[in-house]
């Protein structure tokens, strides 16, 4: 199922991390699981969020360039 918003829009129009968007430089399961749990505890009913893996964050903003993940790394995650 395709995303309802594309990643470029998230990076350029909403480039600041908020309570609904998280940037992760690499696949760190503990940090990602914490973000998933935080999104699941949506007490204010703000809606779903996005975790973008493969981009660094600096001062709550996306830090170019997008690094992405190696294909072999994606296969291991799945």
N, C-alpha and C. Protein backbone atom coordinates (compact mmCIF):
# COMPACT_ATOMS: atom_id res chain seq x y z
N UNK A 1 0.85 -1.18 0.00
CA UNK A 1 0.00 0.00 0.00
C UNK A 1 0.89 1.24 0.00
N UNK A 2 0.68 2.16 -0.91
CA UNK A 2 1.53 3.35 -0.98
C UNK A 2 1.27 4.30 0.18
N UNK A 3 2.30 5.10 0.49
CA UNK A 3 2.15 6.12 1.52
C UNK A 3 1.19 7.20 1.03
N UNK A 4 0.48 7.80 1.96
CA UNK A 4 -0.44 8.89 1.61
C UNK A 4 0.30 10.20 1.39
N UNK A 5 1.54 10.24 1.79
CA UNK A 5 2.38 11.43 1.61
C UNK A 5 3.75 10.93 1.18
N UNK A 6 4.41 11.66 0.29
CA UNK A 6 5.72 11.15 -0.12
C UNK A 6 6.83 11.69 0.79
N UNK A 7 7.92 10.98 0.80
CA UNK A 7 9.03 11.30 1.71
C UNK A 7 9.62 12.67 1.41
N UNK A 8 9.68 13.05 0.14
CA UNK A 8 10.21 14.37 -0.20
C UNK A 8 9.39 15.48 0.46
N UNK A 9 8.07 15.31 0.49
CA UNK A 9 7.22 16.30 1.17
C UNK A 9 7.55 16.36 2.65
N UNK A 10 7.74 15.21 3.26
CA UNK A 10 8.07 15.19 4.68
C UNK A 10 9.41 15.87 4.95
N UNK A 11 10.38 15.64 4.07
CA UNK A 11 11.72 16.19 4.28
C UNK A 11 11.78 17.69 4.00
N UNK A 12 11.04 18.15 3.01
CA UNK A 12 11.17 19.55 2.60
C UNK A 12 10.12 20.48 3.21
N UNK A 13 8.93 19.98 3.38
CA UNK A 13 7.86 20.85 3.89
C UNK A 13 7.67 20.74 5.39
N UNK A 14 8.05 19.61 5.95
CA UNK A 14 7.97 19.42 7.39
C UNK A 14 9.30 18.85 7.84
N UNK A 15 10.35 19.63 7.68
CA UNK A 15 11.69 19.12 7.93
C UNK A 15 12.07 19.15 9.40
N UNK A 16 11.18 19.62 10.26
CA UNK A 16 11.48 19.67 11.69
C UNK A 16 10.78 18.52 12.38
N UNK A 17 11.53 17.79 13.21
CA UNK A 17 10.92 16.71 13.97
C UNK A 17 9.84 17.29 14.88
N UNK A 18 8.77 16.59 14.98
CA UNK A 18 7.69 17.01 15.86
C UNK A 18 7.20 15.78 16.60
N UNK A 19 6.06 15.89 17.26
CA UNK A 19 5.53 14.72 17.94
C UNK A 19 4.94 13.72 16.95
N UNK A 20 4.92 14.01 15.66
CA UNK A 20 4.38 13.09 14.65
C UNK A 20 5.39 12.70 13.58
N UNK A 21 6.62 13.16 13.66
CA UNK A 21 7.65 12.78 12.68
C UNK A 21 8.98 12.59 13.41
N UNK A 22 9.65 11.48 13.08
CA UNK A 22 10.94 11.16 13.69
C UNK A 22 11.92 10.78 12.59
N UNK A 23 13.13 11.31 12.68
CA UNK A 23 14.20 10.93 11.76
C UNK A 23 15.16 10.01 12.51
N UNK A 24 15.54 8.91 11.88
CA UNK A 24 16.51 7.97 12.44
C UNK A 24 17.60 7.76 11.41
N UNK A 25 18.85 7.93 11.83
CA UNK A 25 19.96 7.81 10.89
C UNK A 25 20.15 6.38 10.40
N UNK A 26 19.95 5.43 11.26
CA UNK A 26 20.13 4.03 10.89
C UNK A 26 19.11 3.15 11.58
N UNK A 27 19.24 1.86 11.35
CA UNK A 27 18.31 0.91 11.95
C UNK A 27 18.78 0.59 13.36
N UNK A 28 18.19 1.27 14.33
CA UNK A 28 18.45 1.04 15.74
C UNK A 28 17.13 0.60 16.34
N UNK A 29 16.91 -0.71 16.46
CA UNK A 29 15.60 -1.20 16.89
C UNK A 29 15.09 -0.58 18.19
N UNK A 30 15.95 -0.42 19.20
CA UNK A 30 15.48 0.13 20.48
C UNK A 30 14.91 1.54 20.30
N UNK A 31 15.62 2.39 19.59
CA UNK A 31 15.15 3.77 19.37
C UNK A 31 13.87 3.78 18.54
N UNK A 32 13.81 2.93 17.54
CA UNK A 32 12.63 2.88 16.68
C UNK A 32 11.43 2.34 17.45
N UNK A 33 11.64 1.31 18.27
CA UNK A 33 10.54 0.77 19.08
C UNK A 33 10.01 1.81 20.05
N UNK A 34 10.90 2.62 20.62
CA UNK A 34 10.45 3.69 21.52
C UNK A 34 9.57 4.70 20.77
N UNK A 35 9.97 5.03 19.55
CA UNK A 35 9.17 5.96 18.75
C UNK A 35 7.81 5.36 18.41
N UNK A 36 7.79 4.08 18.07
CA UNK A 36 6.52 3.41 17.76
C UNK A 36 5.61 3.43 18.98
N UNK A 37 6.17 3.13 20.15
CA UNK A 37 5.37 3.16 21.38
C UNK A 37 4.85 4.56 21.67
N UNK A 38 5.68 5.56 21.44
CA UNK A 38 5.25 6.95 21.66
C UNK A 38 4.09 7.30 20.72
N UNK A 39 4.17 6.88 19.46
CA UNK A 39 3.08 7.14 18.53
C UNK A 39 1.81 6.38 18.94
N UNK A 40 1.98 5.17 19.48
CA UNK A 40 0.83 4.37 19.91
C UNK A 40 0.13 5.00 21.11
N UNK A 41 0.87 5.68 21.96
CA UNK A 41 0.30 6.36 23.13
C UNK A 41 -0.16 7.75 22.74
N UNK A 42 -1.09 7.81 21.84
CA UNK A 42 -1.58 9.06 21.25
C UNK A 42 -2.72 9.61 22.10
N UNK A 43 -2.39 10.08 23.30
CA UNK A 43 -3.41 10.57 24.23
C UNK A 43 -4.14 11.81 23.72
N UNK A 44 -3.48 12.61 22.91
CA UNK A 44 -4.10 13.83 22.38
C UNK A 44 -4.85 13.59 21.07
N UNK A 45 -4.85 12.35 20.61
CA UNK A 45 -5.51 11.95 19.37
C UNK A 45 -5.08 12.85 18.21
N UNK A 46 -3.76 12.97 18.05
CA UNK A 46 -3.22 13.79 16.97
C UNK A 46 -3.06 13.01 15.67
N UNK A 47 -3.22 11.70 15.72
CA UNK A 47 -3.16 10.90 14.51
C UNK A 47 -1.84 10.17 14.36
N UNK A 48 -1.68 9.54 13.21
CA UNK A 48 -0.49 8.73 12.97
C UNK A 48 0.75 9.59 12.82
N UNK A 49 1.89 8.93 12.84
CA UNK A 49 3.15 9.63 12.67
C UNK A 49 4.02 8.92 11.66
N UNK A 50 5.19 9.47 11.43
CA UNK A 50 6.13 8.92 10.46
C UNK A 50 7.48 8.75 11.11
N UNK A 51 8.09 7.59 10.89
CA UNK A 51 9.47 7.35 11.30
C UNK A 51 10.24 7.17 10.00
N UNK A 52 11.17 8.06 9.74
CA UNK A 52 11.95 8.00 8.50
C UNK A 52 13.34 7.52 8.87
N UNK A 53 13.67 6.31 8.41
CA UNK A 53 14.96 5.70 8.70
C UNK A 53 15.90 5.96 7.53
N UNK A 54 17.12 6.37 7.84
CA UNK A 54 18.11 6.60 6.79
C UNK A 54 18.45 8.06 6.61
N UNK A 55 18.02 8.89 7.55
CA UNK A 55 18.38 10.31 7.48
C UNK A 55 18.75 10.79 8.88
N UNK A 56 19.85 11.50 8.94
CA UNK A 56 20.32 12.01 10.23
C UNK A 56 19.47 13.20 10.65
N UNK A 57 19.54 13.49 11.94
CA UNK A 57 18.81 14.62 12.51
C UNK A 57 19.80 15.50 13.24
N UNK A 58 19.65 16.79 13.09
CA UNK A 58 20.49 17.74 13.80
C UNK A 58 19.62 18.91 14.23
N UNK A 59 19.58 19.20 15.51
CA UNK A 59 18.72 20.26 16.05
C UNK A 59 17.27 20.09 15.61
N UNK A 60 16.78 18.87 15.67
CA UNK A 60 15.40 18.50 15.34
C UNK A 60 15.05 18.70 13.87
N UNK A 61 16.03 18.85 13.00
CA UNK A 61 15.78 18.99 11.56
C UNK A 61 16.49 17.89 10.79
N UNK A 62 15.95 17.56 9.62
CA UNK A 62 16.61 16.59 8.75
C UNK A 62 17.95 17.15 8.31
N UNK A 63 18.97 16.32 8.38
CA UNK A 63 20.32 16.75 8.00
C UNK A 63 20.69 16.06 6.69
N UNK A 64 20.74 16.81 5.59
CA UNK A 64 21.11 16.21 4.31
C UNK A 64 22.56 15.75 4.33
N UNK A 65 22.94 14.84 3.48
CA UNK A 65 22.12 14.14 2.49
C UNK A 65 21.39 12.95 3.12
N UNK A 66 20.36 12.49 2.42
CA UNK A 66 19.66 11.28 2.85
C UNK A 66 20.61 10.12 2.63
N UNK A 67 20.85 9.35 3.67
CA UNK A 67 21.78 8.23 3.57
C UNK A 67 21.09 6.95 3.14
N UNK A 68 19.87 6.76 3.56
CA UNK A 68 19.14 5.54 3.22
C UNK A 68 19.71 4.34 3.95
N UNK A 69 19.29 3.18 3.56
CA UNK A 69 19.77 1.93 4.12
C UNK A 69 20.24 1.03 2.99
N UNK A 70 21.23 0.22 3.28
CA UNK A 70 21.71 -0.74 2.29
C UNK A 70 20.63 -1.78 2.03
N UNK A 71 20.55 -2.25 0.80
CA UNK A 71 19.55 -3.26 0.45
C UNK A 71 19.67 -4.48 1.35
N UNK A 72 20.89 -4.89 1.65
CA UNK A 72 21.08 -6.06 2.52
C UNK A 72 20.53 -5.78 3.92
N UNK A 73 20.64 -4.55 4.38
CA UNK A 73 20.10 -4.19 5.69
C UNK A 73 18.59 -4.24 5.72
N UNK A 74 17.96 -3.83 4.63
CA UNK A 74 16.50 -3.87 4.55
C UNK A 74 16.01 -5.31 4.57
N UNK A 75 16.70 -6.18 3.86
CA UNK A 75 16.32 -7.59 3.85
C UNK A 75 16.40 -8.19 5.25
N UNK A 76 17.41 -7.82 6.03
CA UNK A 76 17.54 -8.32 7.40
C UNK A 76 16.42 -7.81 8.29
N UNK A 77 15.99 -6.58 8.09
CA UNK A 77 14.92 -6.00 8.91
C UNK A 77 13.60 -6.72 8.65
N UNK A 78 13.33 -7.02 7.39
CA UNK A 78 12.07 -7.68 7.05
C UNK A 78 12.04 -9.05 7.65
